[in-house]
Amino acid sequence: MKIYDSGKIGLGLIFFIALVTFPFWVSIGGNKQMPELKMPDSAHECVESKEFMRTNHMRLLNQWRDSVVRENNYIYVSSTGKSYVKSLTKTCLNCHSSKEEFCERCHTYASVRPYCWSCHLESE
């Protein structure tokens, strides 16, 4: 049995493999340093640990939004037992007051475009 156009099939497979693996080849050697975040002098602690907030802050904010809107629950009790008001603008932005210096640096680094600012204003 003879395969016709085996050259075209081979080139097609090579092109397909190159296309699928392109993101891996592009990212080789492109390890960016995580941005250095400047915390304000007034900030002593966050609602949770730094490690927790780095990986789960969006999940936490979504939980806050849902519990405030659906259950009228405005108080968050952290793992340390301290209570906080569930509010992006009244709790988080008290310490993280500069969106450009804090939020945007990490979001740009991670290529993430959060939709928080479509409803929340920095001056609220």
PDB file of N, CA and C in Angstrom:
ATOM      1  N   MET A   1       0.837  -1.167   0.000  1.00  0.00           N
ATOM      2  CA  MET A   1       0.000   0.000   0.000  1.00  0.00           C
ATOM      3  C   MET A   1       0.886   1.235   0.000  1.00  0.00           C
ATOM      4  N   LYS A   2       0.640   2.170  -0.899  1.00  0.00           N
ATOM      5  CA  LYS A   2       1.453   3.359  -1.050  1.00  0.00           C
ATOM      6  C   LYS A   2       0.627   4.579  -0.653  1.00  0.00           C
ATOM      7  N   ILE A   3       1.244   5.413   0.166  1.00  0.00           N
ATOM      8  CA  ILE A   3       0.548   6.633   0.596  1.00  0.00           C
ATOM      9  C   ILE A   3       0.893   7.744  -0.382  1.00  0.00           C
ATOM     10  N   TYR A   4      -0.125   8.307  -0.997  1.00  0.00           N
ATOM     11  CA  TYR A   4       0.071   9.409  -1.914  1.00  0.00           C
ATOM     12  C   TYR A   4       0.195  10.701  -1.116  1.00  0.00           C
ATOM     13  N   ASP A   5       0.965  11.607  -1.613  1.00  0.00           N
ATOM     14  CA  ASP A   5       1.177  12.909  -0.983  1.00  0.00           C
ATOM     15  C   ASP A   5       1.765  12.786   0.421  1.00  0.00           C
ATOM     16  N   SER A   6       2.621  11.796   0.636  1.00  0.00           N
ATOM     17  CA  SER A   6       3.213  11.612   1.969  1.00  0.00           C
ATOM     18  C   SER A   6       4.078  12.811   2.356  1.00  0.00           C
ATOM     19  N   GLY A   7       4.649  13.484   1.378  1.00  0.00           N
ATOM     20  CA  GLY A   7       5.442  14.691   1.658  1.00  0.00           C
ATOM     21  C   GLY A   7       4.589  15.802   2.237  1.00  0.00           C
ATOM     22  N   LYS A   8       3.409  15.972   1.669  1.00  0.00           N
ATOM     23  CA  LYS A   8       2.491  17.004   2.174  1.00  0.00           C
ATOM     24  C   LYS A   8       1.996  16.647   3.575  1.00  0.00           C
ATOM     25  N   ILE A   9       1.732  15.375   3.789  1.00  0.00           N
ATOM     26  CA  ILE A   9       1.279  14.930   5.114  1.00  0.00           C
ATOM     27  C   ILE A   9       2.377  15.164   6.151  1.00  0.00           C
ATOM     28  N   GLY A  10       3.613  14.819   5.785  1.00  0.00           N
ATOM     29  CA  GLY A  10       4.753  15.029   6.689  1.00  0.00           C
ATOM     30  C   GLY A  10       4.940  16.500   7.022  1.00  0.00           C
ATOM     31  N   LEU A  11       4.882  17.367   6.002  1.00  0.00           N
ATOM     32  CA  LEU A  11       5.003  18.807   6.240  1.00  0.00           C
ATOM     33  C   LEU A  11       3.847  19.324   7.092  1.00  0.00           C
ATOM     34  N   GLY A  12       2.673  18.806   6.849  1.00  0.00           N
ATOM     35  CA  GLY A  12       1.510  19.208   7.644  1.00  0.00           C
ATOM     36  C   GLY A  12       1.670  18.827   9.108  1.00  0.00           C
ATOM     37  N   LEU A  13       2.203  17.606   9.357  1.00  0.00           N
ATOM     38  CA  LEU A  13       2.438  17.174  10.742  1.00  0.00           C
ATOM     39  C   LEU A  13       3.500  18.030  11.423  1.00  0.00           C
ATOM     40  N   ILE A  14       4.572  18.337  10.702  1.00  0.00           N
ATOM     41  CA  ILE A  14       5.630  19.188  11.262  1.00  0.00           C
ATOM     42  C   ILE A  14       5.074  20.570  11.590  1.00  0.00           C
ATOM     43  N   PHE A  15       4.279  21.135  10.681  1.00  0.00           N
ATOM     44  CA  PHE A  15       3.663  22.447  10.914  1.00  0.00           C
ATOM     45  C   PHE A  15       2.733  22.398  12.128  1.00  0.00           C
ATOM     46  N   PHE A  16       1.931  21.360  12.224  1.00  0.00           N
ATOM     47  CA  PHE A  16       0.999  21.212  13.347  1.00  0.00           C
ATOM     48  C   PHE A  16       1.749  21.116  14.675  1.00  0.00           C
ATOM     49  N   ILE A  17       2.800  20.294  14.735  1.00  0.00           N
ATOM     50  CA  ILE A  17       3.586  20.141  15.968  1.00  0.00           C
ATOM     51  C   ILE A  17       4.252  21.469  16.335  1.00  0.00           C
ATOM     52  N   ALA A  18       4.787  22.170  15.342  1.00  0.00           N
ATOM     53  CA  ALA A  18       5.415  23.471  15.602  1.00  0.00           C
ATOM     54  C   ALA A  18       4.391  24.463  16.134  1.00  0.00           C
ATOM     55  N   LEU A  19       3.207  24.465  15.578  1.00  0.00           N
ATOM     56  CA  LEU A  19       2.156  25.381  16.013  1.00  0.00           C
ATOM     57  C   LEU A  19       1.702  25.076  17.441  1.00  0.00           C
ATOM     58  N   VAL A  20       1.526  23.817  17.758  1.00  0.00           N
ATOM     59  CA  VAL A  20       1.061  23.418  19.087  1.00  0.00           C
ATOM     60  C   VAL A  20       2.118  23.687  20.159  1.00  0.00           C
ATOM     61  N   THR A  21       3.385  23.502  19.838  1.00  0.00           N
ATOM     62  CA  THR A  21       4.448  23.686  20.832  1.00  0.00           C
ATOM     63  C   THR A  21       5.013  25.103  20.834  1.00  0.00           C
ATOM     64  N   PHE A  22       4.524  25.996  19.977  1.00  0.00           N
ATOM     65  CA  PHE A  22       5.027  27.360  19.885  1.00  0.00           C
ATOM     66  C   PHE A  22       5.039  28.101  21.227  1.00  0.00           C
ATOM     67  N   PRO A  23       3.976  28.054  22.038  1.00  0.00           N
ATOM     68  CA  PRO A  23       4.019  28.770  23.319  1.00  0.00           C
ATOM     69  C   PRO A  23       5.146  28.305  24.231  1.00  0.00           C
ATOM     70  N   PHE A  24       5.473  27.038  24.199  1.00  0.00           N
ATOM     71  CA  PHE A  24       6.563  26.531  25.030  1.00  0.00           C
ATOM     72  C   PHE A  24       7.911  27.048  24.546  1.00  0.00           C
ATOM     73  N   TRP A  25       8.109  27.086  23.233  1.00  0.00           N
ATOM     74  CA  TRP A  25       9.377  27.567  22.682  1.00  0.00           C
ATOM     75  C   TRP A  25       9.550  29.056  22.933  1.00  0.00           C
ATOM     76  N   VAL A  26       8.499  29.810  22.852  1.00  0.00           N
ATOM     77  CA  VAL A  26       8.575  31.254  23.058  1.00  0.00           C
ATOM     78  C   VAL A  26       8.915  31.590  24.496  1.00  0.00           C
ATOM     79  N   SER A  27       8.394  30.822  25.447  1.00  0.00           N
ATOM     80  CA  SER A  27       8.589  31.143  26.862  1.00  0.00           C
ATOM     81  C   SER A  27       9.932  30.678  27.420  1.00  0.00           C
ATOM     82  N   ILE A  28      10.692  29.917  26.676  1.00  0.00           N
ATOM     83  CA  ILE A  28      11.992  29.442  27.165  1.00  0.00           C
ATOM     84  C   ILE A  28      12.912  30.650  27.371  1.00  0.00           C
ATOM     85  N   GLY A  29      13.444  30.746  28.570  1.00  0.00           N
ATOM     86  CA  GLY A  29      14.357  31.844  28.881  1.00  0.00           C
ATOM     87  C   GLY A  29      13.666  33.157  29.156  1.00  0.00           C
ATOM     88  N   GLY A  30      12.372  33.178  29.158  1.00  0.00           N
ATOM     89  CA  GLY A  30      11.641  34.419  29.372  1.00  0.00           C
ATOM     90  C   GLY A  30      11.081  34.542  30.767  1.00  0.00           C
ATOM     91  N   ASN A  31      11.729  33.960  31.739  1.00  0.00           N
ATOM     92  CA  ASN A  31      11.239  34.001  33.111  1.00  0.00           C
ATOM     93  C   ASN A  31      11.420  35.399  33.679  1.00  0.00           C
ATOM     94  N   LYS A  32      10.314  36.094  33.847  1.00  0.00           N
ATOM     95  CA  LYS A  32      10.351  37.450  34.382  1.00  0.00           C
ATOM     96  C   LYS A  32      10.387  37.403  35.901  1.00  0.00           C
ATOM     97  N   GLN A  33      11.029  38.393  36.469  1.00  0.00           N
ATOM     98  CA  GLN A  33      11.016  38.537  37.916  1.00  0.00           C
ATOM     99  C   GLN A  33       9.648  39.048  38.346  1.00  0.00           C
ATOM    100  N   MET A  34       9.161  38.505  39.450  1.00  0.00           N
ATOM    101  CA  MET A  34       7.920  39.005  40.006  1.00  0.00           C
ATOM    102  C   MET A  34       8.107  40.456  40.409  1.00  0.00           C
ATOM    103  N   PRO A  35       7.114  41.292  40.205  1.00  0.00           N
ATOM    104  CA  PRO A  35       7.279  42.703  40.541  1.00  0.00           C
ATOM    105  C   PRO A  35       7.459  42.913  42.042  1.00  0.00           C
ATOM    106  N   GLU A  36       8.255  43.897  42.362  1.00  0.00           N
ATOM    107  CA  GLU A  36       8.458  44.274  43.765  1.00  0.00           C
ATOM    108  C   GLU A  36       7.312  45.198  44.159  1.00  0.00           C
ATOM    109  N   LEU A  37       6.560  44.787  45.158  1.00  0.00           N
ATOM    110  CA  LEU A  37       5.420  45.582  45.592  1.00  0.00           C
ATOM    111  C   LEU A  37       5.789  46.382  46.829  1.00  0.00           C
ATOM    112  N   LYS A  38       5.433  47.645  46.808  1.00  0.00           N
ATOM    113  CA  LYS A  38       5.720  48.517  47.932  1.00  0.00           C
ATOM    114  C   LYS A  38       4.463  48.639  48.789  1.00  0.00           C
ATOM    115  N   MET A  39       4.561  48.135  49.991  1.00  0.00           N
ATOM    116  CA  MET A  39       3.442  48.237  50.930  1.00  0.00           C
ATOM    117  C   MET A  39       3.532  49.580  51.638  1.00  0.00           C
ATOM    118  N   PRO A  40       2.407  50.204  51.894  1.00  0.00           N
ATOM    119  CA  PRO A  40       2.438  51.460  52.628  1.00  0.00           C
ATOM    120  C   PRO A  40       2.917  51.250  54.064  1.00  0.00           C
ATOM    121  N   ASP A  41       3.495  52.292  54.649  1.00  0.00           N
ATOM    122  CA  ASP A  41       4.010  52.199  56.014  1.00  0.00           C
ATOM    123  C   ASP A  41       2.912  51.897  57.022  1.00  0.00           C
ATOM    124  N   SER A  42       1.678  52.312  56.709  1.00  0.00           N
ATOM    125  CA  SER A  42       0.564  52.105  57.638  1.00  0.00           C
ATOM    126  C   SER A  42       0.051  50.671  57.640  1.00  0.00           C
ATOM    127  N   ALA A  43       0.452  49.870  56.652  1.00  0.00           N
ATOM    128  CA  ALA A  43      -0.041  48.495  56.538  1.00  0.00           C
ATOM    129  C   ALA A  43       0.789  47.565  57.417  1.00  0.00           C
ATOM    130  N   HIS A  44       0.119  46.909  58.360  1.00  0.00           N
ATOM    131  CA  HIS A  44       0.811  45.979  59.246  1.00  0.00           C
ATOM    132  C   HIS A  44       0.441  44.527  58.942  1.00  0.00           C
ATOM    133  N   GLU A  45      -0.793  44.303  58.558  1.00  0.00           N
ATOM    134  CA  GLU A  45      -1.238  42.946  58.229  1.00  0.00           C
ATOM    135  C   GLU A  45      -2.394  43.017  57.252  1.00  0.00           C
ATOM    136  N   CYS A  46      -2.565  41.946  56.523  1.00  0.00           N
ATOM    137  CA  CYS A  46      -3.670  41.845  55.575  1.00  0.00           C
ATOM    138  C   CYS A  46      -4.755  40.976  56.212  1.00  0.00           C
ATOM    139  N   VAL A  47      -5.864  40.808  55.523  1.00  0.00           N
ATOM    140  CA  VAL A  47      -6.947  39.994  56.075  1.00  0.00           C
ATOM    141  C   VAL A  47      -6.538  38.533  56.204  1.00  0.00           C
ATOM    142  N   GLU A  48      -5.592  38.101  55.380  1.00  0.00           N
ATOM    143  CA  GLU A  48      -5.025  36.752  55.465  1.00  0.00           C
ATOM    144  C   GLU A  48      -3.526  36.853  55.190  1.00  0.00           C
ATOM    145  N   SER A  49      -2.823  35.744  55.237  1.00  0.00           N
ATOM    146  CA  SER A  49      -1.379  35.742  55.042  1.00  0.00           C
ATOM    147  C   SER A  49      -1.019  36.152  53.615  1.00  0.00           C
ATOM    148  N   LYS A  50       0.211  36.616  53.445  1.00  0.00           N
ATOM    149  CA  LYS A  50       0.695  37.038  52.133  1.00  0.00           C
ATOM    150  C   LYS A  50       0.604  35.899  51.128  1.00  0.00           C
ATOM    151  N   GLU A  51       0.980  34.694  51.531  1.00  0.00           N
ATOM    152  CA  GLU A  51       0.937  33.541  50.629  1.00  0.00           C
ATOM    153  C   GLU A  51      -0.494  33.242  50.191  1.00  0.00           C
ATOM    154  N   PHE A  52      -1.434  33.296  51.146  1.00  0.00           N
ATOM    155  CA  PHE A  52      -2.835  33.049  50.827  1.00  0.00           C
ATOM    156  C   PHE A  52      -3.350  34.109  49.852  1.00  0.00           C
ATOM    157  N   MET A  53      -3.043  35.365  50.127  1.00  0.00           N
ATOM    158  CA  MET A  53      -3.564  36.451  49.306  1.00  0.00           C
ATOM    159  C   MET A  53      -2.974  36.428  47.894  1.00  0.00           C
ATOM    160  N   ARG A  54      -1.732  36.029  47.744  1.00  0.00           N
ATOM    161  CA  ARG A  54      -1.130  35.972  46.409  1.00  0.00           C
ATOM    162  C   ARG A  54      -1.863  34.987  45.502  1.00  0.00           C
ATOM    163  N   THR A  55      -2.299  33.896  46.067  1.00  0.00           N
ATOM    164  CA  THR A  55      -2.933  32.868  45.234  1.00  0.00           C
ATOM    165  C   THR A  55      -4.458  32.906  45.268  1.00  0.00           C
ATOM    166  N   ASN A  56      -5.041  33.463  46.312  1.00  0.00           N
ATOM    167  CA  ASN A  56      -6.494  33.350  46.479  1.00  0.00           C
ATOM    168  C   ASN A  56      -7.246  34.668  46.599  1.00  0.00           C
ATOM    169  N   HIS A  57      -6.608  35.811  46.353  1.00  0.00           N
ATOM    170  CA  HIS A  57      -7.307  37.063  46.605  1.00  0.00           C
ATOM    171  C   HIS A  57      -8.541  37.246  45.725  1.00  0.00           C
ATOM    172  N   MET A  58      -8.482  36.812  44.482  1.00  0.00           N
ATOM    173  CA  MET A  58      -9.659  36.971  43.619  1.00  0.00           C
ATOM    174  C   MET A  58     -10.787  36.047  44.054  1.00  0.00           C
ATOM    175  N   ARG A  59     -10.434  34.847  44.459  1.00  0.00           N
ATOM    176  CA  ARG A  59     -11.432  33.914  44.970  1.00  0.00           C
ATOM    177  C   ARG A  59     -12.092  34.488  46.231  1.00  0.00           C
ATOM    178  N   LEU A  60     -11.279  35.072  47.109  1.00  0.00           N
ATOM    179  CA  LEU A  60     -11.794  35.675  48.334  1.00  0.00           C
ATOM    180  C   LEU A  60     -12.716  36.853  48.016  1.00  0.00           C
ATOM    181  N   LEU A  61     -12.305  37.706  47.081  1.00  0.00           N
ATOM    182  CA  LEU A  61     -13.151  38.844  46.706  1.00  0.00           C
ATOM    183  C   LEU A  61     -14.469  38.386  46.079  1.00  0.00           C
ATOM    184  N   ASN A  62     -14.431  37.330  45.285  1.00  0.00           N
ATOM    185  CA  ASN A  62     -15.672  36.790  44.715  1.00  0.00           C
ATOM    186  C   ASN A  62     -16.581  36.231  45.808  1.00  0.00           C
ATOM    187  N   GLN A  63     -15.998  35.551  46.794  1.00  0.00           N
ATOM    188  CA  GLN A  63     -16.795  35.047  47.918  1.00  0.00           C
ATOM    189  C   GLN A  63     -17.396  36.198  48.705  1.00  0.00           C
ATOM    190  N   TRP A  64     -16.615  37.242  48.922  1.00  0.00           N
ATOM    191  CA  TRP A  64     -17.131  38.425  49.623  1.00  0.00           C
ATOM    192  C   TRP A  64     -18.306  39.021  48.862  1.00  0.00           C
ATOM    193  N   ARG A  65     -18.141  39.197  47.564  1.00  0.00           N
ATOM    194  CA  ARG A  65     -19.204  39.780  46.741  1.00  0.00           C
ATOM    195  C   ARG A  65     -20.482  38.961  46.851  1.00  0.00           C
ATOM    196  N   ASP A  66     -20.347  37.645  46.697  1.00  0.00           N
ATOM    197  CA  ASP A  66     -21.526  36.786  46.741  1.00  0.00           C
ATOM    198  C   ASP A  66     -22.202  36.806  48.100  1.00  0.00           C
ATOM    199  N   SER A  67     -21.431  36.756  49.177  1.00  0.00           N
ATOM    200  CA  SER A  67     -22.057  36.713  50.504  1.00  0.00           C
ATOM    201  C   SER A  67     -22.664  38.057  50.887  1.00  0.00           C
ATOM    202  N   VAL A  68     -22.094  39.163  50.419  1.00  0.00           N
ATOM    203  CA  VAL A  68     -22.681  40.477  50.707  1.00  0.00           C
ATOM    204  C   VAL A  68     -23.975  40.650  49.929  1.00  0.00           C
ATOM    205  N   VAL A  69     -23.942  40.335  48.646  1.00  0.00           N
ATOM    206  CA  VAL A  69     -25.107  40.550  47.792  1.00  0.00           C
ATOM    207  C   VAL A  69     -26.218  39.543  48.077  1.00  0.00           C
ATOM    208  N   ARG A  70     -25.883  38.277  48.246  1.00  0.00           N
ATOM    209  CA  ARG A  70     -26.901  37.232  48.377  1.00  0.00           C
ATOM    210  C   ARG A  70     -27.349  36.979  49.805  1.00  0.00           C
ATOM    211  N   GLU A  71     -26.437  37.182  50.778  1.00  0.00           N
ATOM    212  CA  GLU A  71     -26.768  36.835  52.161  1.00  0.00           C
ATOM    213  C   GLU A  71     -26.747  38.030  53.107  1.00  0.00           C
ATOM    214  N   ASN A  72     -26.412  39.219  52.582  1.00  0.00           N
ATOM    215  CA  ASN A  72     -26.337  40.436  53.390  1.00  0.00           C
ATOM    216  C   ASN A  72     -25.335  40.281  54.540  1.00  0.00           C
ATOM    217  N   ASN A  73     -24.265  39.541  54.289  1.00  0.00           N
ATOM    218  CA  ASN A  73     -23.237  39.270  55.289  1.00  0.00           C
ATOM    219  C   ASN A  73     -22.033  40.166  54.999  1.00  0.00           C
ATOM    220  N   TYR A  74     -21.807  41.184  55.822  1.00  0.00           N
ATOM    221  CA  TYR A  74     -20.773  42.181  55.579  1.00  0.00           C
ATOM    222  C   TYR A  74     -19.507  41.979  56.405  1.00  0.00           C
ATOM    223  N   ILE A  75     -19.445  40.964  57.240  1.00  0.00           N
ATOM    224  CA  ILE A  75     -18.299  40.766  58.123  1.00  0.00           C
ATOM    225  C   ILE A  75     -17.540  39.507  57.720  1.00  0.00           C
ATOM    226  N   TYR A  76     -16.215  39.655  57.596  1.00  0.00           N
ATOM    227  CA  TYR A  76     -15.327  38.533  57.300  1.00  0.00           C
ATOM    228  C   TYR A  76     -14.476  38.270  58.533  1.00  0.00           C
ATOM    229  N   VAL A  77     -14.437  37.034  58.974  1.00  0.00           N
ATOM    230  CA  VAL A  77     -13.584  36.645  60.088  1.00  0.00           C
ATOM    231  C   VAL A  77     -12.410  35.866  59.509  1.00  0.00           C
ATOM    232  N   SER A  78     -11.207  36.403  59.705  1.00  0.00           N
ATOM    233  CA  SER A  78     -10.007  35.800  59.123  1.00  0.00           C
ATOM    234  C   SER A  78      -9.598  34.552  59.893  1.00  0.00           C
ATOM    235  N   SER A  79      -8.577  33.891  59.380  1.00  0.00           N
ATOM    236  CA  SER A  79      -8.079  32.682  60.036  1.00  0.00           C
ATOM    237  C   SER A  79      -7.458  32.994  61.398  1.00  0.00           C
ATOM    238  N   THR A  80      -7.104  34.256  61.635  1.00  0.00           N
ATOM    239  CA  THR A  80      -6.561  34.656  62.941  1.00  0.00           C
ATOM    240  C   THR A  80      -7.664  35.047  63.919  1.00  0.00           C
ATOM    241  N   GLY A  81      -8.910  35.102  63.446  1.00  0.00           N
ATOM    242  CA  GLY A  81     -10.037  35.444  64.302  1.00  0.00           C
ATOM    243  C   GLY A  81     -10.413  36.909  64.275  1.00  0.00           C
ATOM    244  N   LYS A  82      -9.674  37.728  63.527  1.00  0.00           N
ATOM    245  CA  LYS A  82      -9.968  39.159  63.447  1.00  0.00           C
ATOM    246  C   LYS A  82     -11.080  39.401  62.433  1.00  0.00           C
ATOM    247  N   SER A  83     -11.956  40.364  62.715  1.00  0.00           N
ATOM    248  CA  SER A  83     -13.086  40.685  61.839  1.00  0.00           C
ATOM    249  C   SER A  83     -12.757  41.861  60.931  1.00  0.00           C
ATOM    250  N   TYR A  84     -13.219  41.777  59.695  1.00  0.00           N
ATOM    251  CA  TYR A  84     -13.029  42.830  58.702  1.00  0.00           C
ATOM    252  C   TYR A  84     -14.345  43.051  57.969  1.00  0.00           C
ATOM    253  N   VAL A  85     -14.538  44.273  57.458  1.00  0.00           N
ATOM    254  CA  VAL A  85     -15.696  44.572  56.615  1.00  0.00           C
ATOM    255  C   VAL A  85     -15.384  44.047  55.220  1.00  0.00           C
ATOM    256  N   LYS A  86     -16.317  43.335  54.627  1.00  0.00           N
ATOM    257  CA  LYS A  86     -16.124  42.787  53.283  1.00  0.00           C
ATOM    258  C   LYS A  86     -16.339  43.901  52.262  1.00  0.00           C
ATOM    259  N   SER A  87     -15.245  44.586  51.941  1.00  0.00           N
ATOM    260  CA  SER A  87     -15.327  45.702  51.010  1.00  0.00           C
ATOM    261  C   SER A  87     -13.987  45.913  50.329  1.00  0.00           C
ATOM    262  N   LEU A  88     -14.001  45.903  49.014  1.00  0.00           N
ATOM    263  CA  LEU A  88     -12.787  46.173  48.251  1.00  0.00           C
ATOM    264  C   LEU A  88     -12.322  47.598  48.518  1.00  0.00           C
ATOM    265  N   THR A  89     -13.242  48.541  48.452  1.00  0.00           N
ATOM    266  CA  THR A  89     -12.867  49.940  48.574  1.00  0.00           C
ATOM    267  C   THR A  89     -12.636  50.381  50.017  1.00  0.00           C
ATOM    268  N   LYS A  90     -13.348  49.802  50.965  1.00  0.00           N
ATOM    269  CA  LYS A  90     -13.213  50.253  52.356  1.00  0.00           C
ATOM    270  C   LYS A  90     -12.209  49.434  53.161  1.00  0.00           C
ATOM    271  N   THR A  91     -11.926  48.235  52.766  1.00  0.00           N
ATOM    272  CA  THR A  91     -10.969  47.398  53.504  1.00  0.00           C
ATOM    273  C   THR A  91      -9.661  47.276  52.732  1.00  0.00           C
ATOM    274  N   CYS A  92      -9.715  46.728  51.545  1.00  0.00           N
ATOM    275  CA  CYS A  92      -8.493  46.461  50.779  1.00  0.00           C
ATOM    276  C   CYS A  92      -7.765  47.741  50.396  1.00  0.00           C
ATOM    277  N   LEU A  93      -8.513  48.712  49.888  1.00  0.00           N
ATOM    278  CA  LEU A  93      -7.876  49.926  49.402  1.00  0.00           C
ATOM    279  C   LEU A  93      -7.433  50.867  50.511  1.00  0.00           C
ATOM    280  N   ASN A  94      -7.729  50.552  51.765  1.00  0.00           N
ATOM    281  CA  ASN A  94      -7.160  51.334  52.862  1.00  0.00           C
ATOM    282  C   ASN A  94      -5.645  51.197  52.869  1.00  0.00           C
ATOM    283  N   CYS A  95      -5.152  49.993  52.653  1.00  0.00           N
ATOM    284  CA  CYS A  95      -3.704  49.756  52.623  1.00  0.00           C
ATOM    285  C   CYS A  95      -3.154  49.804  51.204  1.00  0.00           C
ATOM    286  N   HIS A  96      -3.866  49.185  50.283  1.00  0.00           N
ATOM    287  CA  HIS A  96      -3.425  49.133  48.890  1.00  0.00           C
ATOM    288  C   HIS A  96      -4.032  50.326  48.160  1.00  0.00           C
ATOM    289  N   SER A  97      -3.665  51.510  48.589  1.00  0.00           N
ATOM    290  CA  SER A  97      -4.319  52.726  48.117  1.00  0.00           C
ATOM    291  C   SER A  97      -3.926  53.123  46.702  1.00  0.00           C
ATOM    292  N   SER A  98      -2.787  52.671  46.217  1.00  0.00           N
ATOM    293  CA  SER A  98      -2.358  53.022  44.867  1.00  0.00           C
ATOM    294  C   SER A  98      -2.591  51.839  43.927  1.00  0.00           C
ATOM    295  N   LYS A  99      -3.580  51.973  43.101  1.00  0.00           N
ATOM    296  CA  LYS A  99      -3.899  50.918  42.142  1.00  0.00           C
ATOM    297  C   LYS A  99      -2.722  50.676  41.196  1.00  0.00           C
ATOM    298  N   GLU A 100      -2.060  51.746  40.762  1.00  0.00           N
ATOM    299  CA  GLU A 100      -0.935  51.615  39.837  1.00  0.00           C
ATOM    300  C   GLU A 100       0.270  50.955  40.499  1.00  0.00           C
ATOM    301  N   GLU A 101       0.547  51.318  41.739  1.00  0.00           N
ATOM    302  CA  GLU A 101       1.719  50.792  42.443  1.00  0.00           C
ATOM    303  C   GLU A 101       1.528  49.369  42.952  1.00  0.00           C
ATOM    304  N   PHE A 102       0.306  48.970  43.185  1.00  0.00           N
ATOM    305  CA  PHE A 102       0.085  47.659  43.779  1.00  0.00           C
ATOM    306  C   PHE A 102      -0.653  46.724  42.827  1.00  0.00           C
ATOM    307  N   CYS A 103      -1.898  47.000  42.563  1.00  0.00           N
ATOM    308  CA  CYS A 103      -2.737  46.093  41.763  1.00  0.00           C
ATOM    309  C   CYS A 103      -2.192  45.898  40.349  1.00  0.00           C
ATOM    310  N   GLU A 104      -1.954  47.001  39.661  1.00  0.00           N
ATOM    311  CA  GLU A 104      -1.575  46.925  38.249  1.00  0.00           C
ATOM    312  C   GLU A 104      -0.251  46.209  38.022  1.00  0.00           C
ATOM    313  N   ARG A 105       0.691  46.344  38.939  1.00  0.00           N
ATOM    314  CA  ARG A 105       1.988  45.685  38.750  1.00  0.00           C
ATOM    315  C   ARG A 105       1.835  44.177  38.649  1.00  0.00           C
ATOM    316  N   CYS A 106       1.096  43.587  39.562  1.00  0.00           N
ATOM    317  CA  CYS A 106       0.916  42.128  39.534  1.00  0.00           C
ATOM    318  C   CYS A 106       0.003  41.688  38.394  1.00  0.00           C
ATOM    319  N   HIS A 107      -1.063  42.432  38.167  1.00  0.00           N
ATOM    320  CA  HIS A 107      -1.983  42.056  37.107  1.00  0.00           C
ATOM    321  C   HIS A 107      -1.312  42.136  35.739  1.00  0.00           C
ATOM    322  N   THR A 108      -0.455  43.134  35.535  1.00  0.00           N
ATOM    323  CA  THR A 108       0.294  43.235  34.284  1.00  0.00           C
ATOM    324  C   THR A 108       1.280  42.087  34.164  1.00  0.00           C
ATOM    325  N   TYR A 109       1.980  41.776  35.248  1.00  0.00           N
ATOM    326  CA  TYR A 109       2.935  40.664  35.266  1.00  0.00           C
ATOM    327  C   TYR A 109       2.256  39.340  34.913  1.00  0.00           C
ATOM    328  N   ALA A 110       1.054  39.131  35.459  1.00  0.00           N
ATOM    329  CA  ALA A 110       0.331  37.880  35.246  1.00  0.00           C
ATOM    330  C   ALA A 110      -0.554  37.903  34.003  1.00  0.00           C
ATOM    331  N   SER A 111      -0.547  39.012  33.276  1.00  0.00           N
ATOM    332  CA  SER A 111      -1.395  39.185  32.079  1.00  0.00           C
ATOM    333  C   SER A 111      -2.856  38.932  32.402  1.00  0.00           C
ATOM    334  N   VAL A 112      -3.314  39.576  33.476  1.00  0.00           N
ATOM    335  CA  VAL A 112      -4.695  39.428  33.935  1.00  0.00           C
ATOM    336  C   VAL A 112      -5.373  40.783  33.853  1.00  0.00           C
ATOM    337  N   ARG A 113      -6.599  40.793  33.395  1.00  0.00           N
ATOM    338  CA  ARG A 113      -7.384  42.025  33.341  1.00  0.00           C
ATOM    339  C   ARG A 113      -8.625  41.851  34.210  1.00  0.00           C
ATOM    340  N   PRO A 114      -8.521  42.216  35.486  1.00  0.00           N
ATOM    341  CA  PRO A 114      -9.675  42.049  36.374  1.00  0.00           C
ATOM    342  C   PRO A 114     -10.779  43.039  36.013  1.00  0.00           C
ATOM    343  N   TYR A 115     -11.983  42.656  36.309  1.00  0.00           N
ATOM    344  CA  TYR A 115     -13.133  43.492  35.982  1.00  0.00           C
ATOM    345  C   TYR A 115     -13.609  44.304  37.183  1.00  0.00           C
ATOM    346  N   CYS A 116     -12.857  44.306  38.266  1.00  0.00           N
ATOM    347  CA  CYS A 116     -13.244  45.013  39.492  1.00  0.00           C
ATOM    348  C   CYS A 116     -13.552  46.476  39.217  1.00  0.00           C
ATOM    349  N   TRP A 117     -12.694  47.109  38.410  1.00  0.00           N
ATOM    350  CA  TRP A 117     -12.775  48.553  38.229  1.00  0.00           C
ATOM    351  C   TRP A 117     -13.876  48.955  37.267  1.00  0.00           C
ATOM    352  N   SER A 118     -14.582  48.001  36.706  1.00  0.00           N
ATOM    353  CA  SER A 118     -15.716  48.382  35.864  1.00  0.00           C
ATOM    354  C   SER A 118     -16.891  48.838  36.729  1.00  0.00           C
ATOM    355  N   CYS A 119     -16.913  48.414  37.999  1.00  0.00           N
ATOM    356  CA  CYS A 119     -17.960  48.856  38.928  1.00  0.00           C
ATOM    357  C   CYS A 119     -17.394  49.721  40.050  1.00  0.00           C
ATOM    358  N   HIS A 120     -16.261  49.327  40.601  1.00  0.00           N
ATOM    359  CA  HIS A 120     -15.686  50.025  41.743  1.00  0.00           C
ATOM    360  C   HIS A 120     -14.805  51.171  41.286  1.00  0.00           C
ATOM    361  N   LEU A 121     -14.963  52.303  41.918  1.00  0.00           N
ATOM    362  CA  LEU A 121     -14.121  53.455  41.649  1.00  0.00           C
ATOM    363  C   LEU A 121     -13.103  53.573  42.762  1.00  0.00           C
ATOM    364  N   GLU A 122     -11.928  54.056  42.412  1.00  0.00           N
ATOM    365  CA  GLU A 122     -10.872  54.189  43.424  1.00  0.00           C
ATOM    366  C   GLU A 122     -11.222  55.211  44.486  1.00  0.00           C
ATOM    367  N   SER A 123     -12.065  56.163  44.165  1.00  0.00           N
ATOM    368  CA  SER A 123     -12.366  57.239  45.108  1.00  0.00           C
ATOM    369  C   SER A 123     -13.576  56.936  46.011  1.00  0.00           C
ATOM    370  N   GLU A 124     -14.164  55.755  45.906  1.00  0.00           N
ATOM    371  CA  GLU A 124     -15.334  55.434  46.735  1.00  0.00           C
ATOM    372  C   GLU A 124     -14.983  55.351  48.191  1.00  0.00           C
TER     373      GLU A 124
END
